Amino acid sequence: MQNVKATIITIGDELLIGQTIDTNSAWMAQQLNKLGIDVFRRVAVADDEEDIRLALDEEIPRASIILITGGLGPTSDDITKPFLCKYFGGKLVVNEQVLEHVRELFAIRNRPFLEINMKQAEVPDSCTVLFNEMGTAPGMLFEKDGKWIISMPGVPFEMQGIMNNEVLPRLKEHFKSDVIIHKNIITSGEGESFISETLKDVEADMPEYIKISYLPAPGVVKLRLTGKGPDKEKIENELNAINTRIISILDRIVVSQDDIPMQELVGRSLLEKGATVALAESCTGGYVAHLITQVQGSSRYFNGAIVPYQSKLKNSIVGVKESTLEEHSAISEETAVELAVNARKMFNADYSLSITGQLSYGGEDAHIQKGLVWMAVAGKDDVKTKKFQFHYNRELNKELAAQMGLLMVWKYINGRL
């Protein structure tokens, strides 16, 4: 067994100016990790031959595997393929299999096949062609000094198709690496400093090939245990033992052992109880409903949501009393309670969450302190409320409010609130 290291190089001006978000690197890193391959560097470079050359010159001595995405196509700004041809030697030749595939794609799409599209079928004769079922630009595998350099399109679904069909099977066969195993624990209710101090004896007892990471997120702290070594069974047994010990110590704040979004955790709890939930969202503008409905099958437990953004609608549609709004304002514990209670009845749900607040300055509640949010969760017998004071910009305050709202629902359902 060996410690196989990989570098991911992404090419494109659009990545460096922030026009396009690099999701490719995260996905590729996840797939490599499953094979026991460490991604130890991620590099983004411009559409410039010299920048690409410098990146390769630096990474080839360091890494066993280099994955490149971007810059493959028929237009003048797609420079990766001709550059790699020069870098590794050889000349561009037409690959007949790729050419036939490109022609078929254009015929299926009822688009004319132009001379410029012939470029898509050209590949360096120094590479192994990696077939692209989802698009026109093939992937390319080069070898240098025992290292593998693999170039793929930047279009995510094309890259993923080549990775799944061509790259990952070859890597699994060619590179034998130590196993990497992760275990996750999601906690809520204490900060990472407190948890780290609580677990200091556990950390002191861990062997050097097992590490723990603390990953704070809105409302939660995720713990990730990572074990790496040649003996899979030994690593799994030790991770299980450490994981069990940590859970016994942190029992009161453990939310889940699966690293999944909070909306999915809420959905699981509702399904286990055969229960449903509804929402009355004001300042979050339906964002919590959006998150919940991102989960496939959420219609089994999500009854619906209402967004009474203006105060008058809280009264006329959801039934918050005028006296409540006048005496306590639209952003208050009293309003949150009435929103939650009435929304639960309106949607005939077992539970309901209400959120009302001021995410940023301005609007009809300009006199309310920025970041003040009240939430309430209602069940059949009682209502629980909580006040939050967020201190960030509007976008982040909305994200925090949504995550804390979902967490409140999960805690209420599970008797933790």
Protein backbone atom coordinates (compact mmCIF):
# COMPACT_ATOMS: atom_id res chain seq x y z
CA MET A 1 0.00 0.00 0.00
CA GLN A 2 1.07 3.58 -0.50
CA ASN A 3 0.05 7.16 0.13
CA VAL A 4 -1.24 8.25 -3.28
CA LYS A 5 -1.46 12.02 -3.67
CA ALA A 6 -3.47 13.99 -6.19
CA THR A 7 -3.66 17.59 -7.35
CA ILE A 8 -6.68 19.16 -9.00
CA ILE A 9 -6.03 21.96 -11.49
CA THR A 10 -8.97 24.02 -12.74
CA ILE A 11 -8.51 26.23 -15.79
CA GLY A 12 -10.60 29.28 -16.64
CA ASP A 13 -10.66 33.03 -16.23
CA GLU A 14 -14.31 32.72 -15.17
CA LEU A 15 -13.23 30.81 -12.05
CA LEU A 16 -10.69 33.42 -11.02
CA ILE A 17 -13.05 36.39 -11.36
CA GLY A 18 -15.83 34.59 -9.50
CA GLN A 19 -18.20 34.40 -12.48
CA THR A 20 -18.37 30.61 -12.14
CA ILE A 21 -18.23 28.70 -8.85
CA ASP A 22 -15.85 25.72 -8.88
CA THR A 23 -18.02 22.75 -7.93
CA ASN A 24 -15.90 20.33 -9.94
CA SER A 25 -13.02 20.23 -7.48
CA ALA A 26 -15.23 19.35 -4.53
CA TRP A 27 -16.93 16.53 -6.42
CA MET A 28 -13.66 15.09 -7.73
CA ALA A 29 -12.06 15.25 -4.30
CA GLN A 30 -14.96 13.29 -2.82
CA GLN A 31 -14.60 10.55 -5.43
CA LEU A 32 -10.84 10.31 -5.02
CA ASN A 33 -11.19 10.15 -1.25
CA LYS A 34 -13.38 7.06 -1.61
CA LEU A 35 -10.45 5.36 -3.37
CA GLY A 36 -8.03 6.30 -0.60
CA ILE A 37 -6.38 8.99 -2.74
CA ASP A 38 -5.40 12.19 -0.93
CA VAL A 39 -6.10 15.50 -2.66
CA PHE A 40 -3.41 17.67 -1.14
CA ARG A 41 -3.56 20.67 -3.49
CA ARG A 42 -6.19 22.47 -5.55
CA VAL A 43 -4.92 25.03 -8.05
CA ALA A 44 -6.91 27.46 -10.21
CA VAL A 45 -5.20 29.09 -13.19
CA ALA A 46 -6.18 31.46 -15.98
CA ASP A 47 -6.68 30.57 -19.64
CA ASP A 48 -3.00 31.19 -20.24
CA GLU A 49 -0.42 28.70 -21.51
CA GLU A 50 2.35 29.94 -19.23
CA ASP A 51 0.14 29.69 -16.14
CA ILE A 52 -0.86 26.14 -17.07
CA ARG A 53 2.78 25.24 -17.71
CA LEU A 54 3.89 26.57 -14.33
CA ALA A 55 1.12 24.66 -12.57
CA LEU A 56 2.08 21.38 -14.24
CA ASP A 57 5.80 21.92 -13.66
CA GLU A 58 5.10 22.43 -9.96
CA GLU A 59 2.59 19.62 -9.47
CA ILE A 60 4.01 16.73 -11.50
CA PRO A 61 6.97 16.24 -9.10
CA ARG A 62 4.61 16.35 -6.10
CA ALA A 63 1.59 14.31 -7.10
CA SER A 64 0.99 10.84 -8.53
CA ILE A 65 -2.26 12.00 -10.16
CA ILE A 66 -3.16 15.39 -11.62
CA LEU A 67 -6.76 16.03 -12.67
CA ILE A 68 -7.36 19.01 -14.96
CA THR A 69 -10.71 20.50 -15.91
CA GLY A 70 -11.55 23.32 -18.29
CA GLY A 71 -10.38 24.82 -21.55
CA LEU A 72 -11.54 21.99 -23.85
CA GLY A 73 -13.73 23.03 -26.76
CA PRO A 74 -13.80 24.27 -30.35
CA THR A 75 -13.43 28.01 -29.72
CA SER A 76 -10.34 30.19 -29.62
CA ASP A 77 -10.29 30.51 -25.83
CA ASP A 78 -10.13 26.73 -25.34
CA ILE A 79 -6.36 26.34 -25.18
CA THR A 80 -5.89 23.31 -22.95
CA LYS A 81 -5.76 20.61 -25.62
CA PRO A 82 -3.23 22.26 -27.98
CA PHE A 83 -1.10 23.25 -25.01
CA LEU A 84 -1.04 19.72 -23.58
CA CYS A 85 -0.13 18.42 -27.02
CA LYS A 86 2.94 20.67 -27.02
CA TYR A 87 3.74 20.00 -23.37
CA PHE A 88 3.77 16.21 -23.71
CA GLY A 89 4.99 16.07 -27.31
CA GLY A 90 3.32 14.70 -30.41
CA LYS A 91 0.72 16.12 -32.75
CA LEU A 92 -3.04 16.48 -32.96
CA VAL A 93 -4.80 13.74 -34.91
CA VAL A 94 -8.48 13.03 -35.61
CA ASN A 95 -9.89 10.20 -33.53
CA GLU A 96 -12.49 8.45 -35.67
CA GLN A 97 -14.55 7.18 -32.72
CA VAL A 98 -14.78 10.68 -31.28
CA LEU A 99 -15.57 12.16 -34.72
CA GLU A 100 -18.46 9.72 -35.25
CA HIS A 101 -19.79 10.50 -31.78
CA VAL A 102 -19.62 14.27 -32.36
CA ARG A 103 -21.46 13.93 -35.68
CA GLU A 104 -24.16 11.83 -34.02
CA LEU A 105 -24.64 14.42 -31.27
CA PHE A 106 -25.07 17.22 -33.79
CA ALA A 107 -27.53 15.13 -35.80
CA ILE A 108 -29.58 14.27 -32.71
CA ARG A 109 -29.73 17.95 -31.77
CA ASN A 110 -30.58 18.90 -35.35
CA ARG A 111 -27.66 21.30 -35.55
CA PRO A 112 -25.32 21.78 -38.52
CA PHE A 113 -21.87 20.19 -38.21
CA LEU A 114 -19.36 22.96 -38.90
CA GLU A 115 -15.71 22.77 -39.78
CA ILE A 116 -14.83 24.23 -36.39
CA ASN A 117 -16.49 21.25 -34.74
CA MET A 118 -13.89 18.94 -36.30
CA LYS A 119 -11.52 20.25 -33.65
CA GLN A 120 -13.48 18.34 -31.02
CA ALA A 121 -12.39 15.06 -32.61
CA GLU A 122 -8.71 16.02 -32.61
CA VAL A 123 -6.59 14.59 -29.80
CA PRO A 124 -2.84 14.45 -29.12
CA ASP A 125 -1.36 11.19 -30.38
CA SER A 126 0.56 11.04 -27.09
CA CYS A 127 -2.54 10.51 -24.97
CA THR A 128 -5.07 7.82 -24.15
CA VAL A 129 -8.51 9.05 -25.21
CA LEU A 130 -11.18 9.02 -22.51
CA PHE A 131 -14.57 8.81 -24.19
CA ASN A 132 -17.14 11.50 -23.33
CA GLU A 133 -20.63 10.06 -23.69
CA MET A 134 -22.28 13.28 -22.50
CA GLY A 135 -20.55 15.79 -24.76
CA THR A 136 -18.20 16.43 -27.66
CA ALA A 137 -14.86 17.07 -25.95
CA PRO A 138 -13.08 13.83 -24.97
CA GLY A 139 -10.91 13.46 -21.92
CA MET A 140 -7.19 12.76 -22.26
CA LEU A 141 -4.80 10.70 -20.15
CA PHE A 142 -1.07 11.45 -20.32
CA GLU A 143 1.74 9.68 -18.49
CA LYS A 144 5.01 11.31 -17.44
CA ASP A 145 7.60 9.94 -15.03
CA GLY A 146 5.08 7.38 -13.78
CA LYS A 147 2.55 10.13 -13.06
CA TRP A 148 -0.94 10.34 -14.57
CA ILE A 149 -2.17 13.67 -15.90
CA ILE A 150 -5.83 13.60 -16.87
CA SER A 151 -7.59 16.44 -18.67
CA MET A 152 -11.40 16.69 -18.82
CA PRO A 153 -14.02 19.26 -19.86
CA GLY A 154 -15.12 21.85 -17.30
CA VAL A 155 -18.85 21.21 -17.85
CA PRO A 156 -19.77 19.41 -14.60
CA PHE A 157 -22.00 16.65 -15.98
CA GLU A 158 -19.50 15.89 -18.76
CA MET A 159 -16.60 15.75 -16.31
CA GLN A 160 -18.58 13.50 -13.96
CA GLY A 161 -19.47 11.15 -16.79
CA ILE A 162 -15.83 10.77 -17.82
CA MET A 163 -14.75 10.34 -14.21
CA ASN A 164 -17.33 7.63 -13.50
CA ASN A 165 -16.94 5.73 -16.76
CA GLU A 166 -13.29 6.15 -17.59
CA VAL A 167 -11.14 7.69 -14.87
CA LEU A 168 -12.19 6.16 -11.55
CA PRO A 169 -12.10 2.54 -12.77
CA ARG A 170 -8.58 3.09 -14.17
CA LEU A 171 -7.36 4.78 -10.99
CA LYS A 172 -8.78 1.99 -8.83
CA GLU A 173 -7.00 -0.61 -10.94
CA HIS A 174 -3.67 1.17 -11.31
CA PHE A 175 -3.10 2.90 -7.95
CA LYS A 176 -3.23 0.84 -4.77
CA SER A 177 -3.56 3.14 -1.78
CA ASP A 178 -4.22 2.99 1.94
CA VAL A 179 -7.91 3.07 2.84
CA ILE A 180 -9.42 6.32 4.10
CA ILE A 181 -12.51 5.99 6.31
CA HIS A 182 -14.58 8.82 7.78
CA LYS A 183 -17.16 8.93 10.53
CA ASN A 184 -19.29 11.99 11.26
CA ILE A 185 -21.03 13.28 14.36
CA ILE A 186 -23.24 16.38 14.24
CA THR A 187 -23.74 18.23 17.51
CA SER A 188 -25.78 21.25 18.59
CA GLY A 189 -25.81 23.24 21.79
CA GLU A 190 -22.11 23.81 22.49
CA GLY A 191 -19.25 25.52 20.68
CA GLU A 192 -16.21 23.83 19.20
CA SER A 193 -13.92 25.04 22.01
CA PHE A 194 -16.11 23.42 24.66
CA ILE A 195 -16.36 20.19 22.68
CA SER A 196 -12.61 20.08 22.05
CA GLU A 197 -11.90 20.57 25.75
CA THR A 198 -14.44 17.88 26.64
CA LEU A 199 -12.79 15.42 24.25
CA LYS A 200 -9.15 16.16 25.08
CA ASP A 201 -8.64 12.78 26.77
CA VAL A 202 -10.17 10.98 23.79
CA GLU A 203 -7.84 12.86 21.43
CA ALA A 204 -4.84 12.03 23.60
CA ASP A 205 -5.66 8.32 23.37
CA MET A 206 -6.14 8.24 19.59
CA PRO A 207 -3.41 6.61 17.45
CA GLU A 208 -1.58 8.91 15.05
CA TYR A 209 -3.35 7.48 12.02
CA ILE A 210 -6.75 8.63 13.31
CA LYS A 211 -7.55 12.35 13.33
CA ILE A 212 -10.50 14.43 14.48
CA SER A 213 -11.65 17.66 12.84
CA TYR A 214 -14.07 20.27 14.21
CA LEU A 215 -16.24 21.88 11.54
CA PRO A 216 -18.54 24.67 12.80
CA ALA A 217 -21.68 25.42 10.77
CA PRO A 218 -24.81 27.49 11.52
CA GLY A 219 -26.21 26.13 14.77
CA VAL A 220 -24.10 22.99 14.80
CA VAL A 221 -20.56 21.68 15.13
CA LYS A 222 -19.67 18.73 12.95
CA LEU A 223 -17.01 16.30 14.13
CA ARG A 224 -15.23 14.24 11.50
CA LEU A 225 -13.13 11.24 12.48
CA THR A 226 -10.69 10.11 9.78
CA GLY A 227 -8.70 6.92 9.83
CA LYS A 228 -6.10 5.99 7.24
CA GLY A 229 -4.00 2.86 6.89
CA PRO A 230 -3.44 -0.41 5.03
CA ASP A 231 -5.70 -2.57 7.25
CA LYS A 232 -9.33 -1.67 6.55
CA GLU A 233 -10.80 -3.91 9.27
CA LYS A 234 -8.44 -2.55 11.94
CA ILE A 235 -9.21 1.06 10.97
CA GLU A 236 -12.97 0.45 11.02
CA ASN A 237 -12.86 -1.25 14.43
CA GLU A 238 -10.82 1.54 16.01
CA LEU A 239 -12.98 4.26 14.47
CA ASN A 240 -16.12 2.54 15.73
CA ALA A 241 -14.70 2.33 19.25
CA ILE A 242 -13.68 6.00 19.28
CA ASN A 243 -16.97 7.05 17.73
CA THR A 244 -18.92 5.17 20.43
CA ARG A 245 -16.83 6.76 23.17
CA ILE A 246 -17.40 10.27 21.82
CA ILE A 247 -21.14 9.78 21.50
CA SER A 248 -21.37 8.52 25.08
CA ILE A 249 -19.56 11.66 26.29
CA LEU A 250 -21.50 14.13 24.12
CA ASP A 251 -24.83 12.29 24.21
CA ARG A 252 -26.99 15.29 25.21
CA ILE A 253 -25.83 17.40 22.24
CA VAL A 254 -25.54 14.75 19.48
CA VAL A 255 -27.97 15.42 16.63
CA SER A 256 -26.91 12.83 14.05
CA GLN A 257 -24.15 10.51 12.93
CA ASP A 258 -24.86 11.23 9.27
CA ASP A 259 -23.40 14.27 7.55
CA ILE A 260 -26.62 15.36 5.87
CA PRO A 261 -28.40 18.73 5.67
CA MET A 262 -30.64 19.81 8.53
CA GLN A 263 -33.72 19.71 6.30
CA GLU A 264 -33.08 16.02 5.67
CA LEU A 265 -32.68 15.34 9.39
CA VAL A 266 -36.02 17.06 10.01
CA GLY A 267 -37.61 14.98 7.28
CA ARG A 268 -36.30 11.75 8.77
CA SER A 269 -37.68 12.62 12.19
CA LEU A 270 -41.09 13.49 10.75
CA LEU A 271 -41.22 10.23 8.77
CA GLU A 272 -40.28 8.22 11.85
CA LYS A 273 -43.19 9.75 13.74
CA GLY A 274 -45.58 9.74 10.80
CA ALA A 275 -46.00 13.47 11.34
CA THR A 276 -46.29 16.59 9.18
CA VAL A 277 -45.00 20.16 9.36
CA ALA A 278 -46.09 23.55 8.04
CA LEU A 279 -44.41 26.95 7.90
CA ALA A 280 -45.25 30.62 8.35
CA GLU A 281 -42.18 32.48 7.11
CA SER A 282 -41.86 36.23 7.07
CA CYS A 283 -38.28 37.48 6.90
CA THR A 284 -36.93 34.25 5.33
CA GLY A 285 -39.35 34.68 2.43
CA GLY A 286 -40.05 30.99 1.85
CA TYR A 287 -36.42 29.91 2.02
CA VAL A 288 -37.09 27.23 4.65
CA ALA A 289 -39.82 25.80 2.43
CA HIS A 290 -37.34 25.77 -0.44
CA LEU A 291 -34.81 23.82 1.63
CA ILE A 292 -37.37 21.30 2.83
CA THR A 293 -38.67 20.65 -0.68
CA GLN A 294 -35.11 20.06 -1.96
CA VAL A 295 -35.42 16.64 -0.32
CA GLN A 296 -36.99 14.01 -2.54
CA GLY A 297 -40.23 12.69 -1.08
CA SER A 298 -40.78 15.70 1.20
CA SER A 299 -44.45 15.80 0.19
CA ARG A 300 -44.98 12.91 2.62
CA TYR A 301 -44.40 15.21 5.59
CA PHE A 302 -44.48 18.81 4.35
CA ASN A 303 -48.01 20.21 4.21
CA GLY A 304 -47.23 23.71 2.98
CA ALA A 305 -46.03 27.21 3.80
CA ILE A 306 -47.27 30.77 3.80
CA VAL A 307 -45.14 33.90 3.47
CA PRO A 308 -47.01 36.83 5.10
CA TYR A 309 -44.19 39.27 4.45
CA GLN A 310 -46.18 42.41 5.22
CA SER A 311 -47.66 42.95 8.66
CA LYS A 312 -51.20 43.43 7.34
CA LEU A 313 -51.07 39.97 5.78
CA LYS A 314 -50.04 38.44 9.08
CA ASN A 315 -53.41 39.67 10.29
CA SER A 316 -55.68 39.25 7.28
CA ILE A 317 -54.38 35.89 6.05
CA VAL A 318 -52.77 34.11 9.03
CA GLY A 319 -54.98 35.63 11.70
CA VAL A 320 -52.48 37.38 13.95
CA LYS A 321 -54.60 39.76 16.05
CA GLU A 322 -54.38 43.48 15.26
CA SER A 323 -53.88 44.13 18.96
CA THR A 324 -50.83 41.85 19.00
CA LEU A 325 -49.26 43.67 16.09
CA GLU A 326 -50.02 47.10 17.59
CA GLU A 327 -48.86 46.32 21.12
CA HIS A 328 -45.88 44.08 20.40
CA SER A 329 -45.02 44.69 16.70
CA ALA A 330 -44.72 42.20 13.87
CA ILE A 331 -41.31 41.12 15.16
CA SER A 332 -42.06 39.81 18.60
CA GLU A 333 -42.52 36.62 20.56
CA GLU A 334 -46.26 37.14 20.66
CA THR A 335 -46.53 37.47 16.88
CA ALA A 336 -44.31 34.43 16.34
CA VAL A 337 -46.56 32.37 18.60
CA GLU A 338 -49.76 33.35 16.81
CA LEU A 339 -48.17 32.75 13.41
CA ALA A 340 -47.08 29.24 14.41
CA VAL A 341 -50.36 28.27 16.09
CA ASN A 342 -52.51 29.56 13.25
CA ALA A 343 -50.30 28.11 10.50
CA ARG A 344 -50.48 24.66 12.10
CA LYS A 345 -54.27 24.83 12.02
CA MET A 346 -54.37 26.38 8.55
CA PHE A 347 -52.36 23.53 7.04
CA ASN A 348 -53.70 20.81 9.34
CA ALA A 349 -50.15 19.85 10.36
CA ASP A 350 -48.76 18.18 13.46
CA TYR A 351 -46.05 20.82 13.86
CA SER A 352 -45.43 24.29 12.54
CA LEU A 353 -42.54 26.74 12.49
CA SER A 354 -42.90 30.51 12.32
CA ILE A 355 -40.12 33.00 11.64
CA THR A 356 -40.47 36.77 11.86
CA GLY A 357 -37.61 39.21 11.97
CA GLN A 358 -35.54 42.06 10.59
CA LEU A 359 -32.64 40.73 8.51
CA SER A 360 -31.33 44.16 7.50
CA TYR A 361 -32.23 47.82 7.80
CA GLY A 362 -35.26 49.35 6.08
CA GLY A 363 -38.82 48.33 5.30
CA GLU A 364 -41.89 48.73 7.47
CA ASP A 365 -40.00 47.52 10.55
CA ALA A 366 -37.05 49.88 10.14
CA HIS A 367 -37.25 50.80 13.83
CA ILE A 368 -36.47 47.19 14.84
CA GLN A 369 -32.86 46.27 15.54
CA LYS A 370 -31.12 44.71 12.56
CA GLY A 371 -30.75 40.93 12.89
CA LEU A 372 -33.51 40.47 15.48
CA VAL A 373 -35.52 37.33 14.72
CA TRP A 374 -38.22 35.57 16.71
CA MET A 375 -39.16 31.95 16.01
CA ALA A 376 -41.81 29.63 17.36
CA VAL A 377 -42.54 25.93 16.96
CA ALA A 378 -46.07 24.79 17.70
CA GLY A 379 -47.32 21.30 18.38
CA LYS A 380 -50.76 20.09 19.40
CA ASP A 381 -50.25 20.90 23.08
CA ASP A 382 -47.68 23.69 23.40
CA VAL A 383 -45.51 26.30 21.71
CA LYS A 384 -41.78 26.86 22.14
CA THR A 385 -40.18 30.18 21.24
CA LYS A 386 -36.67 31.49 20.82
CA LYS A 387 -35.14 34.89 20.19
CA PHE A 388 -32.09 35.30 17.93
CA GLN A 389 -29.82 38.25 17.29
CA PHE A 390 -27.85 37.81 14.07
CA HIS A 391 -25.01 40.20 13.25
CA TYR A 392 -24.17 39.66 9.59
CA ASN A 393 -25.39 40.83 6.20
CA ARG A 394 -28.87 40.13 4.88
CA GLU A 395 -27.93 37.01 2.93
CA LEU A 396 -26.06 35.34 5.76
CA ASN A 397 -28.68 36.34 8.33
CA LYS A 398 -31.33 34.65 6.17
CA GLU A 399 -29.24 31.48 5.92
CA LEU A 400 -28.66 31.44 9.68
CA ALA A 401 -32.34 32.02 10.39
CA ALA A 402 -33.37 29.18 8.12
CA GLN A 403 -30.87 26.74 9.62
CA MET A 404 -31.74 27.68 13.19
CA GLY A 405 -35.43 27.34 12.37
CA LEU A 406 -34.94 23.83 11.01
CA LEU A 407 -32.86 22.96 14.07
CA MET A 408 -35.66 24.22 16.33
CA VAL A 409 -38.13 21.95 14.56
CA TRP A 410 -35.78 18.95 14.89
CA LYS A 411 -35.23 19.63 18.60
CA TYR A 412 -38.96 20.06 19.24
CA ILE A 413 -39.84 16.82 17.46
CA ASN A 414 -37.16 14.93 19.39
CA GLY A 415 -37.89 16.45 22.80
CA ARG A 416 -34.70 18.50 22.91
CA LEU A 417 -36.18 22.01 22.85
